[in-house]
Amino acid sequence: MARHSPLQLHSRGRVVATRLALTALVVVVGYLVYEFGRIQASYNIVDADRERQSYEDRIEELDKEIVSLKEEIALLETHRDIDREAYKEVEASLTTLQAKIQEQTDAIAFYRGIVSPEDGAAGLKVQDLRLTRGSEERTYNVRLVLVQSLKHDRKVSGDVNLTIQGEQGGAATSYQYSQLLRDDGNKSWPFSFRYFQDFDREIVLPDGFTPERITIEVRSKTRSISSIEESFSWATSPG
């Protein structure tokens, strides 16, 4: 039997160790190349599991929604009278919301009339005039809103006069504001404002008089701000 020297045994051991190391290195490099290829292909086991779980969760949600919708359909079919009452409540809510929207629209138009009127003209304007029936026969409430458009560097002062034209006894007749007040009514109607001012006044129409038009005369006492006069058809609004 041949005997090997210690040097030969050491050399052979180094060769074996080197081969094993190279083999391990090849395996490791091969695995890394494989994983790198999967990553480059946007494929990852963890990501795939997460994506699949996401789809499964979504499917479960849709299944629940379908069940819920079927239950709602069954409820609608078996309780139609109750649904009609519900529709009435929804309609009432919509009416309320529409009223609020109209209020907002009116408010926007009001302030726009002060800062940026459609006609682009500065000065006094009758922004709003509303007539509503009073609590007693032949009494009416007059709501008047005056504004000063564009220029607000000074207050405007003056007084308002109201005239109502109509027919009485077959003849054309008109009445001044002072003639349409109760005995204890204040005949003066002053104003003083920079941006706007609103008023509520009560008038009493004479017996046998049918109103047709109302004229508002806004008489300015402020220099450089002109007086105005506007006429409107007589029309009452809900109180």
Protein backbone atom coordinates (compact mmCIF):
# COMPACT_ATOMS: atom_id res chain seq x y z
CA MET A 1 0.00 0.00 0.00
CA ALA A 2 1.44 3.34 -1.01
CA ARG A 3 1.94 5.88 1.69
CA HIS A 4 1.53 9.59 1.08
CA SER A 5 3.63 12.22 2.64
CA PRO A 6 2.00 14.89 4.87
CA LEU A 7 2.66 17.46 2.18
CA GLN A 8 0.73 15.46 -0.41
CA LEU A 9 -2.18 14.95 1.99
CA HIS A 10 -2.29 18.67 2.72
CA SER A 11 -2.29 19.52 -0.97
CA ARG A 12 -5.09 17.05 -1.71
CA GLY A 13 -7.15 18.49 1.19
CA ARG A 14 -6.71 21.96 -0.16
CA VAL A 15 -7.90 20.80 -3.61
CA VAL A 16 -11.00 19.18 -2.12
CA ALA A 17 -11.77 22.25 -0.02
CA THR A 18 -11.29 24.49 -3.01
CA ARG A 19 -13.63 22.38 -5.13
CA LEU A 20 -16.27 22.40 -2.39
CA ALA A 21 -15.93 26.17 -2.03
CA LEU A 22 -16.24 26.63 -5.78
CA THR A 23 -19.28 24.36 -5.85
CA ALA A 24 -20.91 26.29 -3.01
CA LEU A 25 -20.08 29.57 -4.74
CA VAL A 26 -21.66 28.36 -7.98
CA VAL A 27 -24.80 27.31 -6.09
CA VAL A 28 -25.02 30.66 -4.29
CA VAL A 29 -24.39 32.63 -7.47
CA GLY A 30 -26.96 30.52 -9.31
CA TYR A 31 -29.55 31.17 -6.62
CA LEU A 32 -28.82 34.89 -6.61
CA VAL A 33 -29.12 35.00 -10.40
CA TYR A 34 -32.44 33.13 -10.14
CA GLU A 35 -33.82 35.53 -7.52
CA PHE A 36 -32.54 38.48 -9.48
CA GLY A 37 -34.35 37.21 -12.54
CA ARG A 38 -37.60 36.84 -10.61
CA ILE A 39 -37.26 40.35 -9.21
CA GLN A 40 -36.49 41.75 -12.65
CA ALA A 41 -39.64 40.06 -13.89
CA SER A 42 -41.59 41.83 -11.12
CA TYR A 43 -42.41 38.52 -9.54
CA ASN A 44 -42.07 38.18 -5.82
CA ILE A 45 -43.68 35.53 -3.66
CA VAL A 46 -44.54 37.96 -0.88
CA ASP A 47 -46.01 40.49 -3.29
CA ALA A 48 -47.95 37.78 -5.08
CA ASP A 49 -49.44 36.59 -1.81
CA ARG A 50 -50.40 40.13 -0.83
CA GLU A 51 -52.00 40.79 -4.20
CA ARG A 52 -53.94 37.56 -4.09
CA GLN A 53 -55.14 38.34 -0.56
CA SER A 54 -56.23 41.79 -1.73
CA TYR A 55 -58.32 40.26 -4.50
CA GLU A 56 -59.84 37.78 -2.10
CA ASP A 57 -60.75 40.56 0.33
CA ARG A 58 -62.33 42.57 -2.50
CA ILE A 59 -64.35 39.55 -3.64
CA GLU A 60 -65.57 39.07 -0.09
CA GLU A 61 -66.62 42.72 0.09
CA LEU A 62 -68.51 42.44 -3.19
CA ASP A 63 -70.27 39.32 -2.02
CA LYS A 64 -71.40 41.15 1.10
CA GLU A 65 -72.60 44.10 -0.98
CA ILE A 66 -74.60 41.78 -3.23
CA VAL A 67 -76.23 40.17 -0.20
CA SER A 68 -77.02 43.59 1.22
CA LEU A 69 -78.53 44.79 -2.07
CA LYS A 70 -80.69 41.70 -2.32
CA GLU A 71 -81.94 42.33 1.21
CA GLU A 72 -82.78 45.95 0.31
CA ILE A 73 -84.66 44.81 -2.79
CA ALA A 74 -86.65 42.34 -0.74
CA LEU A 75 -87.42 45.03 1.82
CA LEU A 76 -88.58 47.45 -0.89
CA GLU A 77 -90.82 44.84 -2.42
CA THR A 78 -92.47 43.86 0.87
CA HIS A 79 -92.77 47.33 2.45
CA ARG A 80 -93.75 49.64 -0.38
CA ASP A 81 -96.09 51.70 1.78
CA ILE A 82 -93.28 52.40 4.20
CA ASP A 83 -91.09 53.37 1.27
CA ARG A 84 -93.71 55.85 0.09
CA GLU A 85 -93.54 57.54 3.48
CA ALA A 86 -89.77 57.55 3.21
CA TYR A 87 -90.00 59.19 -0.21
CA LYS A 88 -92.17 61.92 1.31
CA GLU A 89 -89.53 62.56 3.94
CA VAL A 90 -86.84 62.73 1.26
CA GLU A 91 -88.97 65.12 -0.78
CA ALA A 92 -89.48 67.33 2.27
CA SER A 93 -85.72 67.34 2.90
CA LEU A 94 -85.09 68.25 -0.73
CA THR A 95 -87.58 71.11 -0.48
CA THR A 96 -85.78 72.41 2.59
CA LEU A 97 -82.40 72.16 0.87
CA GLN A 98 -83.74 73.91 -2.23
CA ALA A 99 -85.07 76.71 -0.04
CA LYS A 100 -81.67 77.06 1.59
CA ILE A 101 -80.00 77.12 -1.82
CA GLN A 102 -82.41 79.86 -2.92
CA GLU A 103 -81.58 81.85 0.21
CA GLN A 104 -77.89 81.53 -0.57
CA THR A 105 -78.51 82.56 -4.19
CA ASP A 106 -80.50 85.61 -3.08
CA ALA A 107 -77.77 86.56 -0.61
CA ILE A 108 -75.11 86.30 -3.31
CA ALA A 109 -77.19 88.45 -5.67
CA PHE A 110 -77.73 90.97 -2.90
CA TYR A 111 -74.06 91.44 -2.07
CA ARG A 112 -73.08 91.34 -5.72
CA GLY A 113 -75.52 94.20 -6.28
CA ILE A 114 -73.52 96.22 -3.76
CA VAL A 115 -69.97 95.47 -4.88
CA SER A 116 -70.49 94.70 -8.57
CA PRO A 117 -73.93 95.59 -10.01
CA GLU A 118 -74.84 94.20 -13.41
CA ASP A 119 -75.31 97.65 -14.95
CA GLY A 120 -71.97 98.83 -13.54
CA ALA A 121 -73.54 102.06 -12.29
CA ALA A 122 -72.64 103.57 -8.93
CA GLY A 123 -75.10 105.25 -6.58
CA LEU A 124 -78.39 104.55 -4.85
CA LYS A 125 -80.51 101.58 -5.89
CA VAL A 126 -83.67 99.85 -4.77
CA GLN A 127 -82.30 96.35 -4.27
CA ASP A 128 -85.53 94.74 -3.10
CA LEU A 129 -89.19 95.65 -2.62
CA ARG A 130 -91.70 93.16 -1.23
CA LEU A 131 -95.34 93.60 -0.32
CA THR A 132 -97.11 91.16 2.00
CA ARG A 133 -100.58 91.18 3.49
CA GLY A 134 -100.87 92.35 7.08
CA SER A 135 -102.78 90.83 9.94
CA GLU A 136 -105.78 93.12 9.43
CA GLU A 137 -108.03 93.87 6.49
CA ARG A 138 -106.46 96.21 3.90
CA THR A 139 -103.15 96.42 5.78
CA TYR A 140 -99.90 95.63 3.98
CA ASN A 141 -96.28 95.32 5.03
CA VAL A 142 -93.70 97.01 2.84
CA ARG A 143 -90.13 95.68 2.97
CA LEU A 144 -87.65 97.94 1.22
CA VAL A 145 -83.90 97.39 0.80
CA LEU A 146 -81.72 100.26 -0.38
CA VAL A 147 -78.08 99.85 -1.40
CA GLN A 148 -75.23 102.10 -2.44
CA SER A 149 -73.34 100.43 -5.28
CA LEU A 150 -69.61 100.51 -5.99
CA LYS A 151 -68.66 103.69 -4.10
CA HIS A 152 -68.72 103.38 -0.33
CA ASP A 153 -66.34 106.15 0.68
CA ARG A 154 -69.11 108.12 2.38
CA LYS A 155 -72.51 107.67 3.96
CA VAL A 156 -75.58 108.65 2.02
CA SER A 157 -78.48 110.24 3.88
CA GLY A 158 -81.94 111.38 2.97
CA ASP A 159 -85.55 110.25 3.12
CA VAL A 160 -87.94 107.93 1.31
CA ASN A 161 -91.34 108.75 -0.11
CA LEU A 162 -93.81 106.14 -1.31
CA THR A 163 -96.70 106.68 -3.69
CA ILE A 164 -99.33 104.14 -4.67
CA GLN A 165 -101.29 104.60 -7.88
CA GLY A 166 -104.53 102.79 -8.58
CA GLU A 167 -108.27 103.15 -9.16
CA GLN A 168 -111.01 104.27 -6.84
CA GLY A 169 -114.63 104.90 -7.78
CA GLY A 170 -113.80 104.44 -11.45
CA ALA A 171 -111.15 107.15 -11.45
CA ALA A 172 -107.34 107.07 -11.34
CA THR A 173 -106.19 107.87 -7.82
CA SER A 174 -102.87 108.04 -6.00
CA TYR A 175 -101.92 108.21 -2.32
CA GLN A 176 -98.74 109.41 -0.67
CA TYR A 177 -97.03 107.50 2.12
CA SER A 178 -98.22 109.99 4.74
CA GLN A 179 -101.84 109.29 3.71
CA LEU A 180 -101.51 105.53 4.13
CA LEU A 181 -100.48 105.43 7.80
CA ARG A 182 -102.46 104.83 10.92
CA ASP A 183 -103.31 107.90 12.95
CA ASP A 184 -100.29 107.32 15.21
CA GLY A 185 -97.90 106.44 12.39
CA ASN A 186 -94.59 108.24 11.91
CA LYS A 187 -94.77 110.12 8.61
CA SER A 188 -91.01 110.54 8.27
CA TRP A 189 -88.94 107.87 6.54
CA PRO A 190 -85.27 108.82 6.90
CA PHE A 191 -82.25 106.74 5.86
CA SER A 192 -78.51 106.90 6.46
CA PHE A 193 -76.06 104.17 5.45
CA ARG A 194 -72.79 103.38 3.70
CA TYR A 195 -73.55 100.00 2.13
CA PHE A 196 -77.22 99.11 2.58
CA GLN A 197 -80.25 99.57 4.81
CA ASP A 198 -83.52 97.66 5.02
CA PHE A 199 -86.90 98.88 6.24
CA ASP A 200 -90.23 97.40 7.26
CA ARG A 201 -93.21 99.71 7.10
CA GLU A 202 -96.96 99.13 7.45
CA ILE A 203 -99.51 100.89 5.28
CA VAL A 204 -103.33 100.86 5.26
CA LEU A 205 -105.15 101.14 1.93
CA PRO A 206 -108.35 103.25 1.83
CA ASP A 207 -111.67 101.46 1.34
CA GLY A 208 -112.62 101.01 -2.28
CA PHE A 209 -109.08 101.65 -3.52
CA THR A 210 -107.48 99.09 -5.85
CA PRO A 211 -103.68 99.46 -6.04
CA GLU A 212 -101.93 99.02 -9.39
CA ARG A 213 -98.43 100.47 -9.04
CA ILE A 214 -96.08 101.58 -6.28
CA THR A 215 -93.43 104.24 -6.75
CA ILE A 216 -90.41 104.60 -4.46
CA GLU A 217 -88.67 107.97 -4.38
CA VAL A 218 -85.29 107.91 -2.63
CA ARG A 219 -84.28 111.54 -2.01
CA SER A 220 -80.60 111.99 -1.30
CA LYS A 221 -79.34 114.86 0.85
CA THR A 222 -75.69 113.91 0.30
CA ARG A 223 -73.76 115.98 -2.19
CA SER A 224 -72.60 114.10 -5.33
CA ILE A 225 -75.06 111.25 -4.73
CA SER A 226 -78.16 111.58 -6.88
CA SER A 227 -81.73 110.87 -5.85
CA ILE A 228 -83.59 108.08 -7.63
CA GLU A 229 -87.19 107.13 -8.38
CA GLU A 230 -88.38 103.65 -9.35
CA SER A 231 -91.85 102.33 -10.11
CA PHE A 232 -93.08 98.74 -9.69
CA SER A 233 -96.27 96.84 -10.46
CA TRP A 234 -98.34 96.10 -7.34
CA ALA A 235 -97.84 92.45 -6.44
CA THR A 236 -97.96 90.78 -3.07
CA SER A 237 -95.72 87.93 -1.89
CA PRO A 238 -96.47 85.22 0.67
CA GLY A 239 -95.82 86.44 4.20
